[in-house]
Amino acid sequence: NNVADNSMPALGLALQNNKTLVTLNLEVNEIGNAGLKELANAVLQNETLKTMWLGGNNNDNATAHLVRNLLHPRIAVPFFHSSTEPRDHSLE
């Protein structure tokens, strides 16, 4: 998908206004620390999103934990990993 930090303003606005999305998979993109923080702030305004998959992006572990804690317990961020391969969700 090539979603990167510069995509966050438009994606954030769309998520703030969305009333139906419950799961968002943004794994294996180019989202860095700044974009991840911007995304987290945007989804806090969303009332329907329950789960976001964000592994395999360009963020560090400290930012990943910060975002997970910011969104928890309302939005689950099940797994951050450093691999560029998406997680096999069938194993969850």
Protein backbone atom coordinates (compact mmCIF):
# COMPACT_ATOMS: atom_id res chain seq x y z
CA ASN A 1 0.00 0.00 0.00
CA ASN A 2 2.95 2.34 0.56
CA VAL A 3 1.18 4.20 3.36
CA ALA A 4 3.69 6.60 4.92
CA ASP A 5 3.80 9.51 7.35
CA ASN A 6 2.69 11.94 4.63
CA SER A 7 -0.52 9.90 4.26
CA MET A 8 -1.57 10.44 7.86
CA PRO A 9 -3.41 13.78 7.55
CA ALA A 10 -5.84 12.39 4.94
CA LEU A 11 -6.11 8.97 6.58
CA GLY A 12 -6.58 10.53 10.00
CA LEU A 13 -9.39 12.76 8.76
CA ALA A 14 -11.09 9.80 7.09
CA LEU A 15 -10.82 7.73 10.28
CA GLN A 16 -12.15 10.52 12.48
CA ASN A 17 -15.29 10.71 10.35
CA ASN A 18 -15.76 6.99 9.65
CA LYS A 19 -18.70 5.32 11.40
CA THR A 20 -18.42 1.71 10.16
CA LEU A 21 -14.80 0.49 10.14
CA VAL A 22 -14.01 -1.91 12.99
CA THR A 23 -10.64 -3.36 11.89
CA LEU A 24 -7.78 -1.59 10.13
CA ASN A 25 -4.73 -3.42 8.80
CA LEU A 26 -1.80 -1.12 8.01
CA GLU A 27 0.92 -3.75 8.35
CA VAL A 28 4.08 -3.62 6.26
CA ASN A 29 3.95 0.00 5.18
CA GLU A 30 6.26 2.97 5.66
CA ILE A 31 4.66 4.54 8.74
CA GLY A 32 7.29 6.06 10.99
CA ASN A 33 7.16 7.34 14.57
CA ALA A 34 5.59 10.70 13.70
CA GLY A 35 2.96 9.13 11.45
CA LEU A 36 2.12 6.49 14.03
CA LYS A 37 1.53 9.13 16.70
CA GLU A 38 -0.62 11.17 14.32
CA LEU A 39 -2.62 8.07 13.41
CA ALA A 40 -3.18 7.23 17.08
CA ASN A 41 -4.46 10.73 17.84
CA ALA A 42 -6.84 10.53 14.90
CA VAL A 43 -8.31 7.15 15.79
CA LEU A 44 -9.03 8.33 19.31
CA GLN A 45 -11.79 10.38 17.66
CA ASN A 46 -13.22 7.26 15.96
CA GLU A 47 -16.01 5.53 17.86
CA THR A 48 -16.23 2.24 15.91
CA LEU A 49 -12.64 1.07 15.34
CA LYS A 50 -11.77 -1.84 17.63
CA THR A 51 -8.54 -3.33 16.22
CA MET A 52 -5.54 -1.99 14.29
CA TRP A 53 -2.72 -4.12 12.89
CA LEU A 54 0.43 -2.01 12.59
CA GLY A 55 3.42 -4.38 12.50
CA GLY A 56 6.19 -4.14 9.94
CA ASN A 57 6.32 -0.34 9.74
CA ASN A 58 9.23 2.06 10.31
CA ASN A 59 8.60 2.87 13.95
CA ASP A 60 10.64 2.05 17.02
CA ASN A 61 9.55 -0.09 19.96
CA ALA A 62 9.16 2.87 22.31
CA THR A 63 6.67 4.55 19.97
CA ALA A 64 4.84 1.25 19.40
CA HIS A 65 4.37 0.82 23.16
CA LEU A 66 3.34 4.45 23.58
CA VAL A 67 0.65 4.08 20.89
CA ARG A 68 -0.56 0.74 22.24
CA ASN A 69 -0.91 2.22 25.73
CA LEU A 70 -2.62 5.35 24.42
CA LEU A 71 -5.25 3.32 22.57
CA HIS A 72 -5.72 0.54 25.12
CA PRO A 73 -8.27 -0.72 26.12
CA ARG A 74 -10.67 0.82 23.59
CA ILE A 75 -8.67 -0.12 20.48
CA ALA A 76 -6.60 -3.29 20.41
CA VAL A 77 -3.20 -3.14 18.74
CA PRO A 78 -2.45 -6.87 18.98
CA PHE A 79 1.08 -7.20 17.71
CA PHE A 80 3.98 -5.00 16.70
CA HIS A 81 6.89 -6.73 15.04
CA SER A 82 10.00 -5.62 13.21
CA SER A 83 9.64 -8.02 10.30
CA THR A 84 8.57 -6.81 6.88
CA GLU A 85 6.27 -9.83 6.61
CA PRO A 86 2.67 -9.44 7.76
CA ARG A 87 1.57 -11.55 10.71
CA ASP A 88 -0.51 -14.63 9.99
CA HIS A 89 -3.80 -13.62 11.64
CA SER A 90 -5.18 -17.13 11.33
CA LEU A 91 -2.95 -18.07 14.27
CA GLU A 92 -4.61 -15.58 16.60
